[in-house]
Amino acid sequence: MGNEFIFILLILPVVVEATTQLIGDSDIFGGIREWVKAKSKFFNDLFSCKYCLSVWISLFITMTYFGVKFFVWQSLPYYFIVMLFIHRLSNFYHLIFDIVNEYKLYRWSIIMGSVEE
């Protein structure tokens, strides 16, 4: 159970974050995303809110991960709690990635001379 706990804490939130960025922001899915948004108000709202999109992706990935291994109806509250935990942790990872990217952009602008220290 120790290795699985580490997997849940480290890998699944990264998968959720990467999938959210891929589906919500990438040019690869841009055409499909715009087509789906035009077909349904629900999907239009979903793709317009990255936080909402990450909740649904977290639900899908959690249910896929646990559903493949074992699925018991009585464990649904456990799956829901794990899903929320994975979702919040992916949001924390997103925040860390944003801070690192902003710092890199700031340092680059100092190097290029567009911002003074």
C-alpha atoms as a PDB file:
ATOM      1  CA  MET A   1       0.000   0.000   0.000  1.00  0.00           C
ATOM      2  CA  GLY A   2       2.961   2.348   0.534  1.00  0.00           C
ATOM      3  CA  ASN A   3       3.952   2.508  -3.135  1.00  0.00           C
ATOM      4  CA  GLU A   4       0.332   2.963  -4.201  1.00  0.00           C
ATOM      5  CA  PHE A   5      -0.059   5.854  -1.750  1.00  0.00           C
ATOM      6  CA  ILE A   6       3.007   7.561  -3.229  1.00  0.00           C
ATOM      7  CA  PHE A   7       1.610   6.942  -6.708  1.00  0.00           C
ATOM      8  CA  ILE A   8      -1.706   8.528  -5.749  1.00  0.00           C
ATOM      9  CA  LEU A   9       0.015  11.519  -4.129  1.00  0.00           C
ATOM     10  CA  LEU A  10       2.586  12.236  -6.812  1.00  0.00           C
ATOM     11  CA  ILE A  11       1.595  10.800 -10.152  1.00  0.00           C
ATOM     12  CA  LEU A  12      -2.201  11.036 -10.399  1.00  0.00           C
ATOM     13  CA  PRO A  13      -2.338  14.799  -9.643  1.00  0.00           C
ATOM     14  CA  VAL A  14       0.312  15.390 -12.308  1.00  0.00           C
ATOM     15  CA  VAL A  15      -1.752  13.327 -14.750  1.00  0.00           C
ATOM     16  CA  VAL A  16      -4.837  15.388 -13.883  1.00  0.00           C
ATOM     17  CA  GLU A  17      -2.962  18.667 -14.314  1.00  0.00           C
ATOM     18  CA  ALA A  18      -1.339  17.630 -17.584  1.00  0.00           C
ATOM     19  CA  THR A  19      -4.625  16.324 -19.001  1.00  0.00           C
ATOM     20  CA  THR A  20      -6.432  19.517 -17.986  1.00  0.00           C
ATOM     21  CA  GLN A  21      -3.793  21.644 -19.702  1.00  0.00           C
ATOM     22  CA  LEU A  22      -3.817  19.408 -22.774  1.00  0.00           C
ATOM     23  CA  ILE A  23      -7.590  19.417 -23.207  1.00  0.00           C
ATOM     24  CA  GLY A  24      -8.223  22.965 -21.998  1.00  0.00           C
ATOM     25  CA  ASP A  25      -5.375  24.964 -23.540  1.00  0.00           C
ATOM     26  CA  SER A  26      -3.447  23.083 -26.210  1.00  0.00           C
ATOM     27  CA  ASP A  27      -3.728  23.787 -29.910  1.00  0.00           C
ATOM     28  CA  ILE A  28      -3.906  20.045 -30.598  1.00  0.00           C
ATOM     29  CA  PHE A  29      -7.413  19.849 -29.117  1.00  0.00           C
ATOM     30  CA  GLY A  30      -8.412  23.363 -30.186  1.00  0.00           C
ATOM     31  CA  GLY A  31     -10.621  22.336 -33.097  1.00  0.00           C
ATOM     32  CA  ILE A  32     -12.331  19.536 -31.203  1.00  0.00           C
ATOM     33  CA  ARG A  33     -12.755  21.771 -28.145  1.00  0.00           C
ATOM     34  CA  GLU A  34     -14.393  24.552 -30.179  1.00  0.00           C
ATOM     35  CA  TRP A  35     -16.655  22.072 -31.992  1.00  0.00           C
ATOM     36  CA  VAL A  36     -17.814  20.507 -28.700  1.00  0.00           C
ATOM     37  CA  LYS A  37     -18.306  23.943 -27.110  1.00  0.00           C
ATOM     38  CA  ALA A  38     -20.540  24.955 -30.009  1.00  0.00           C
ATOM     39  CA  LYS A  39     -22.694  21.822 -29.613  1.00  0.00           C
ATOM     40  CA  SER A  40     -23.451  22.050 -25.886  1.00  0.00           C
ATOM     41  CA  LYS A  41     -23.817  24.807 -23.308  1.00  0.00           C
ATOM     42  CA  PHE A  42     -22.590  22.417 -20.600  1.00  0.00           C
ATOM     43  CA  PHE A  43     -19.324  21.764 -22.466  1.00  0.00           C
ATOM     44  CA  ASN A  44     -18.992  25.435 -23.348  1.00  0.00           C
ATOM     45  CA  ASP A  45     -19.153  26.283 -19.645  1.00  0.00           C
ATOM     46  CA  LEU A  46     -16.893  23.341 -18.758  1.00  0.00           C
ATOM     47  CA  PHE A  47     -14.121  24.252 -21.202  1.00  0.00           C
ATOM     48  CA  SER A  48     -14.357  27.921 -20.211  1.00  0.00           C
ATOM     49  CA  CYS A  49     -13.580  27.087 -16.572  1.00  0.00           C
ATOM     50  CA  LYS A  50     -10.261  25.244 -16.125  1.00  0.00           C
ATOM     51  CA  TYR A  51     -11.024  24.614 -12.458  1.00  0.00           C
ATOM     52  CA  CYS A  52     -14.316  22.910 -13.386  1.00  0.00           C
ATOM     53  CA  LEU A  53     -12.605  20.947 -16.134  1.00  0.00           C
ATOM     54  CA  SER A  54      -9.976  19.675 -13.702  1.00  0.00           C
ATOM     55  CA  VAL A  55     -12.697  18.463 -11.305  1.00  0.00           C
ATOM     56  CA  TRP A  56     -14.286  16.333 -14.037  1.00  0.00           C
ATOM     57  CA  ILE A  57     -10.921  15.080 -15.282  1.00  0.00           C
ATOM     58  CA  SER A  58      -9.958  14.183 -11.714  1.00  0.00           C
ATOM     59  CA  LEU A  59     -13.228  12.277 -11.337  1.00  0.00           C
ATOM     60  CA  PHE A  60     -12.638  10.410 -14.590  1.00  0.00           C
ATOM     61  CA  ILE A  61      -9.014   9.522 -13.800  1.00  0.00           C
ATOM     62  CA  THR A  62      -9.812   8.488 -10.224  1.00  0.00           C
ATOM     63  CA  MET A  63     -12.724   6.289 -11.267  1.00  0.00           C
ATOM     64  CA  THR A  64     -10.665   4.820 -14.099  1.00  0.00           C
ATOM     65  CA  TYR A  65      -7.723   4.083 -11.811  1.00  0.00           C
ATOM     66  CA  PHE A  66      -9.774   2.559  -8.994  1.00  0.00           C
ATOM     67  CA  GLY A  67     -12.411   1.050 -11.276  1.00  0.00           C
ATOM     68  CA  VAL A  68      -9.809  -0.952 -13.140  1.00  0.00           C
ATOM     69  CA  LYS A  69      -8.264  -2.280  -9.928  1.00  0.00           C
ATOM     70  CA  PHE A  70     -11.360  -2.851  -7.876  1.00  0.00           C
ATOM     71  CA  PHE A  71     -14.796  -1.326  -7.730  1.00  0.00           C
ATOM     72  CA  VAL A  72     -17.198  -1.688  -4.848  1.00  0.00           C
ATOM     73  CA  TRP A  73     -20.329   0.454  -4.603  1.00  0.00           C
ATOM     74  CA  GLN A  74     -19.857   0.842  -0.858  1.00  0.00           C
ATOM     75  CA  SER A  75     -16.511   2.538  -1.503  1.00  0.00           C
ATOM     76  CA  LEU A  76     -17.950   5.435  -3.522  1.00  0.00           C
ATOM     77  CA  PRO A  77     -17.485   7.937  -0.659  1.00  0.00           C
ATOM     78  CA  TYR A  78     -13.834   6.874  -0.456  1.00  0.00           C
ATOM     79  CA  TYR A  79     -13.411   7.361  -4.224  1.00  0.00           C
ATOM     80  CA  PHE A  80     -15.032  10.783  -3.977  1.00  0.00           C
ATOM     81  CA  ILE A  81     -12.702  11.873  -1.164  1.00  0.00           C
ATOM     82  CA  VAL A  82      -9.667  10.616  -3.054  1.00  0.00           C
ATOM     83  CA  MET A  83     -10.892  12.382  -6.194  1.00  0.00           C
ATOM     84  CA  LEU A  84     -11.210  15.685  -4.340  1.00  0.00           C
ATOM     85  CA  PHE A  85      -7.792  15.202  -2.783  1.00  0.00           C
ATOM     86  CA  ILE A  86      -6.199  14.477  -6.156  1.00  0.00           C
ATOM     87  CA  HIS A  87      -7.986  17.480  -7.651  1.00  0.00           C
ATOM     88  CA  ARG A  88      -6.794  19.867  -4.929  1.00  0.00           C
ATOM     89  CA  LEU A  89      -3.260  18.522  -5.118  1.00  0.00           C
ATOM     90  CA  SER A  90      -3.247  19.017  -8.896  1.00  0.00           C
ATOM     91  CA  ASN A  91      -4.333  22.630  -8.317  1.00  0.00           C
ATOM     92  CA  PHE A  92      -1.446  23.043  -5.885  1.00  0.00           C
ATOM     93  CA  TYR A  93       0.950  21.629  -8.488  1.00  0.00           C
ATOM     94  CA  HIS A  94      -0.519  24.062 -11.020  1.00  0.00           C
ATOM     95  CA  LEU A  95       0.168  26.943  -8.642  1.00  0.00           C
ATOM     96  CA  ILE A  96       3.779  25.820  -8.173  1.00  0.00           C
ATOM     97  CA  PHE A  97       4.244  25.498 -11.960  1.00  0.00           C
ATOM     98  CA  ASP A  98       2.826  29.007 -12.446  1.00  0.00           C
ATOM     99  CA  ILE A  99       5.159  30.476  -9.815  1.00  0.00           C
ATOM    100  CA  VAL A 100       8.175  28.799 -11.410  1.00  0.00           C
ATOM    101  CA  ASN A 101       7.156  29.981 -14.892  1.00  0.00           C
ATOM    102  CA  GLU A 102       6.598  33.554 -13.698  1.00  0.00           C
ATOM    103  CA  TYR A 103      10.008  33.527 -12.024  1.00  0.00           C
ATOM    104  CA  LYS A 104      11.637  32.215 -15.208  1.00  0.00           C
ATOM    105  CA  LEU A 105       9.924  34.924 -17.268  1.00  0.00           C
ATOM    106  CA  TYR A 106      10.977  37.583 -14.762  1.00  0.00           C
ATOM    107  CA  ARG A 107      14.597  36.380 -14.774  1.00  0.00           C
ATOM    108  CA  TRP A 108      14.577  36.260 -18.575  1.00  0.00           C
ATOM    109  CA  SER A 109      13.281  39.826 -18.780  1.00  0.00           C
ATOM    110  CA  ILE A 110      16.095  40.953 -16.444  1.00  0.00           C
ATOM    111  CA  ILE A 111      18.666  39.195 -18.624  1.00  0.00           C
ATOM    112  CA  MET A 112      17.232  40.803 -21.750  1.00  0.00           C
ATOM    113  CA  GLY A 113      17.192  44.196 -20.025  1.00  0.00           C
ATOM    114  CA  SER A 114      13.481  44.925 -20.273  1.00  0.00           C
ATOM    115  CA  VAL A 115      13.027  45.021 -16.466  1.00  0.00           C
ATOM    116  CA  GLU A 116      15.367  46.547 -13.945  1.00  0.00           C
ATOM    117  CA  GLU A 117      16.206  44.682 -10.761  1.00  0.00           C
END
